[in-house]
């Protein structure tokens, strides 16, 4: 059974940083690209970042380019999202996506002073 579990969200001031983690199980992690999505209040879920199975290739939504970094550790079945220079508009529930697609429960990120 494919499963993912996100963690690392919280309340942070504008300009601050957070690192999200997503632990995956139930499939051969190293063979699949992984993605981070987010759902902001009143909006549809949207892709934030994608990383290839090897970690060599990454892509980002224009709104987070230069501020967010996606990475993975295939030995730990974990994908990360390092978020720097956070803005109030980054406030959302962040989800990790696995093959299926399969979604976790998400982790809340709130950027507010």
C-alpha atoms as a PDB file:
ATOM      1  CA  UNK A   1       0.000   0.000   0.000  1.00  0.00           C
ATOM      2  CA  UNK A   2       1.451   3.298  -1.119  1.00  0.00           C
ATOM      3  CA  UNK A   3       1.600   5.819   1.702  1.00  0.00           C
ATOM      4  CA  UNK A   4       3.160   9.211   2.321  1.00  0.00           C
ATOM      5  CA  UNK A   5       3.375  11.214   5.509  1.00  0.00           C
ATOM      6  CA  UNK A   6       4.251  14.892   5.566  1.00  0.00           C
ATOM      7  CA  UNK A   7       5.768  16.748   8.505  1.00  0.00           C
ATOM      8  CA  UNK A   8       7.569  19.958   9.359  1.00  0.00           C
ATOM      9  CA  UNK A   9       4.875  22.589   8.957  1.00  0.00           C
ATOM     10  CA  UNK A  10       4.157  25.334  11.439  1.00  0.00           C
ATOM     11  CA  UNK A  11       3.798  29.049  12.059  1.00  0.00           C
ATOM     12  CA  UNK A  12       6.629  31.247  10.820  1.00  0.00           C
ATOM     13  CA  UNK A  13       7.130  34.966  10.385  1.00  0.00           C
ATOM     14  CA  UNK A  14       7.514  36.512   6.937  1.00  0.00           C
ATOM     15  CA  UNK A  15      11.083  36.059   5.750  1.00  0.00           C
ATOM     16  CA  UNK A  16      11.520  32.918   7.800  1.00  0.00           C
ATOM     17  CA  UNK A  17      12.282  29.352   6.778  1.00  0.00           C
ATOM     18  CA  UNK A  18      10.812  25.911   7.175  1.00  0.00           C
ATOM     19  CA  UNK A  19      11.835  22.458   6.002  1.00  0.00           C
ATOM     20  CA  UNK A  20       9.112  19.990   5.126  1.00  0.00           C
ATOM     21  CA  UNK A  21       9.678  16.244   4.988  1.00  0.00           C
ATOM     22  CA  UNK A  22       7.711  13.480   3.315  1.00  0.00           C
ATOM     23  CA  UNK A  23       8.308   9.860   4.248  1.00  0.00           C
ATOM     24  CA  UNK A  24       7.090   7.434   1.589  1.00  0.00           C
ATOM     25  CA  UNK A  25       6.424   3.703   1.725  1.00  0.00           C
ATOM     26  CA  UNK A  26       4.797   0.886  -0.226  1.00  0.00           C
ATOM     27  CA  UNK A  27       6.612   1.389  -3.507  1.00  0.00           C
ATOM     28  CA  UNK A  28      10.148   1.491  -4.904  1.00  0.00           C
ATOM     29  CA  UNK A  29      10.845   5.099  -4.003  1.00  0.00           C
ATOM     30  CA  UNK A  30      14.005   5.457  -6.086  1.00  0.00           C
ATOM     31  CA  UNK A  31      12.124   4.661  -9.306  1.00  0.00           C
ATOM     32  CA  UNK A  32       9.587   7.507  -9.134  1.00  0.00           C
ATOM     33  CA  UNK A  33       9.558  11.252  -9.426  1.00  0.00           C
ATOM     34  CA  UNK A  34       8.041  12.977  -6.412  1.00  0.00           C
ATOM     35  CA  UNK A  35       6.167  16.230  -6.040  1.00  0.00           C
ATOM     36  CA  UNK A  36       5.090  18.795  -3.497  1.00  0.00           C
ATOM     37  CA  UNK A  37       1.720  20.513  -3.873  1.00  0.00           C
ATOM     38  CA  UNK A  38      -0.085  23.092  -1.806  1.00  0.00           C
ATOM     39  CA  UNK A  39      -3.657  24.205  -1.286  1.00  0.00           C
ATOM     40  CA  UNK A  40      -4.050  27.788  -0.190  1.00  0.00           C
ATOM     41  CA  UNK A  41      -7.292  28.948   1.463  1.00  0.00           C
ATOM     42  CA  UNK A  42     -10.011  29.228  -1.159  1.00  0.00           C
ATOM     43  CA  UNK A  43      -7.829  27.906  -3.963  1.00  0.00           C
ATOM     44  CA  UNK A  44      -7.267  24.656  -5.819  1.00  0.00           C
ATOM     45  CA  UNK A  45      -4.356  22.393  -4.997  1.00  0.00           C
ATOM     46  CA  UNK A  46      -1.386  23.396  -7.147  1.00  0.00           C
ATOM     47  CA  UNK A  47       2.036  21.925  -7.812  1.00  0.00           C
ATOM     48  CA  UNK A  48       4.934  23.599  -6.057  1.00  0.00           C
ATOM     49  CA  UNK A  49       7.952  21.493  -7.009  1.00  0.00           C
ATOM     50  CA  UNK A  50       8.853  18.236  -8.737  1.00  0.00           C
ATOM     51  CA  UNK A  51      12.004  16.155  -8.474  1.00  0.00           C
ATOM     52  CA  UNK A  52      13.095  13.296 -10.732  1.00  0.00           C
ATOM     53  CA  UNK A  53      13.688   9.827  -9.356  1.00  0.00           C
ATOM     54  CA  UNK A  54      17.457  10.390  -9.233  1.00  0.00           C
ATOM     55  CA  UNK A  55      17.182  13.902  -7.869  1.00  0.00           C
ATOM     56  CA  UNK A  56      19.115  15.329 -10.801  1.00  0.00           C
ATOM     57  CA  UNK A  57      16.192  17.182 -12.341  1.00  0.00           C
ATOM     58  CA  UNK A  58      13.904  19.617 -10.515  1.00  0.00           C
ATOM     59  CA  UNK A  59      11.136  22.012 -11.521  1.00  0.00           C
ATOM     60  CA  UNK A  60       9.368  24.738  -9.593  1.00  0.00           C
ATOM     61  CA  UNK A  61       6.275  26.863  -9.795  1.00  0.00           C
ATOM     62  CA  UNK A  62       7.177  30.414 -10.795  1.00  0.00           C
ATOM     63  CA  UNK A  63       5.899  31.718  -7.461  1.00  0.00           C
ATOM     64  CA  UNK A  64       8.531  29.791  -5.468  1.00  0.00           C
ATOM     65  CA  UNK A  65      11.547  29.795  -7.796  1.00  0.00           C
ATOM     66  CA  UNK A  66      14.673  30.975  -6.019  1.00  0.00           C
ATOM     67  CA  UNK A  67      13.098  30.530  -2.588  1.00  0.00           C
ATOM     68  CA  UNK A  68      12.162  26.846  -2.347  1.00  0.00           C
ATOM     69  CA  UNK A  69      14.382  23.814  -2.919  1.00  0.00           C
ATOM     70  CA  UNK A  70      13.165  20.263  -3.377  1.00  0.00           C
ATOM     71  CA  UNK A  71      15.520  17.396  -2.619  1.00  0.00           C
ATOM     72  CA  UNK A  72      15.365  13.697  -1.832  1.00  0.00           C
ATOM     73  CA  UNK A  73      17.224  10.962  -0.013  1.00  0.00           C
ATOM     74  CA  UNK A  74      16.504   7.665  -1.726  1.00  0.00           C
ATOM     75  CA  UNK A  75      18.176   5.729   1.078  1.00  0.00           C
ATOM     76  CA  UNK A  76      15.610   7.152   3.503  1.00  0.00           C
ATOM     77  CA  UNK A  77      12.575   7.130   1.174  1.00  0.00           C
ATOM     78  CA  UNK A  78      12.174  10.809   1.965  1.00  0.00           C
ATOM     79  CA  UNK A  79      11.622  13.944  -0.077  1.00  0.00           C
ATOM     80  CA  UNK A  80      12.188  17.412   1.361  1.00  0.00           C
ATOM     81  CA  UNK A  81      11.057  20.935   0.644  1.00  0.00           C
ATOM     82  CA  UNK A  82      13.298  23.676   1.993  1.00  0.00           C
ATOM     83  CA  UNK A  83      11.335  26.914   2.055  1.00  0.00           C
ATOM     84  CA  UNK A  84      13.190  30.194   2.546  1.00  0.00           C
ATOM     85  CA  UNK A  85      12.105  33.836   2.424  1.00  0.00           C
ATOM     86  CA  UNK A  86       8.569  32.791   3.202  1.00  0.00           C
ATOM     87  CA  UNK A  87       5.725  35.154   2.366  1.00  0.00           C
ATOM     88  CA  UNK A  88       2.160  35.338   3.704  1.00  0.00           C
ATOM     89  CA  UNK A  89       0.946  34.077   0.321  1.00  0.00           C
ATOM     90  CA  UNK A  90       2.839  30.826   0.944  1.00  0.00           C
ATOM     91  CA  UNK A  91       0.299  30.010   3.645  1.00  0.00           C
ATOM     92  CA  UNK A  92      -1.279  26.691   2.653  1.00  0.00           C
ATOM     93  CA  UNK A  93      -1.577  23.033   3.420  1.00  0.00           C
ATOM     94  CA  UNK A  94       1.386  21.336   1.772  1.00  0.00           C
ATOM     95  CA  UNK A  95       1.033  17.836   0.359  1.00  0.00           C
ATOM     96  CA  UNK A  96       3.460  15.263  -0.897  1.00  0.00           C
ATOM     97  CA  UNK A  97       2.392  13.280  -3.949  1.00  0.00           C
ATOM     98  CA  UNK A  98       3.354   9.670  -4.624  1.00  0.00           C
ATOM     99  CA  UNK A  99       2.437   7.381  -7.538  1.00  0.00           C
ATOM    100  CA  UNK A 100      -1.307   6.804  -7.929  1.00  0.00           C
ATOM    101  CA  UNK A 101      -1.569   9.606  -7.201  1.00  0.00           C
ATOM    102  CA  UNK A 102      -1.448   9.094  -3.487  1.00  0.00           C
ATOM    103  CA  UNK A 103      -1.729  11.969  -1.060  1.00  0.00           C
ATOM    104  CA  UNK A 104      -0.865  12.368   2.568  1.00  0.00           C
ATOM    105  CA  UNK A 105      -2.856  14.330   5.130  1.00  0.00           C
ATOM    106  CA  UNK A 106      -0.749  17.378   4.472  1.00  0.00           C
ATOM    107  CA  UNK A 107       1.079  19.733   6.779  1.00  0.00           C
ATOM    108  CA  UNK A 108      -0.089  23.268   7.520  1.00  0.00           C
ATOM    109  CA  UNK A 109       2.280  26.154   6.831  1.00  0.00           C
ATOM    110  CA  UNK A 110       1.210  29.550   8.119  1.00  0.00           C
ATOM    111  CA  UNK A 111       3.283  32.642   7.372  1.00  0.00           C
ATOM    112  CA  UNK A 112       2.193  35.527   9.550  1.00  0.00           C
ATOM    113  CA  UNK A 113       3.598  38.168  11.843  1.00  0.00           C
END
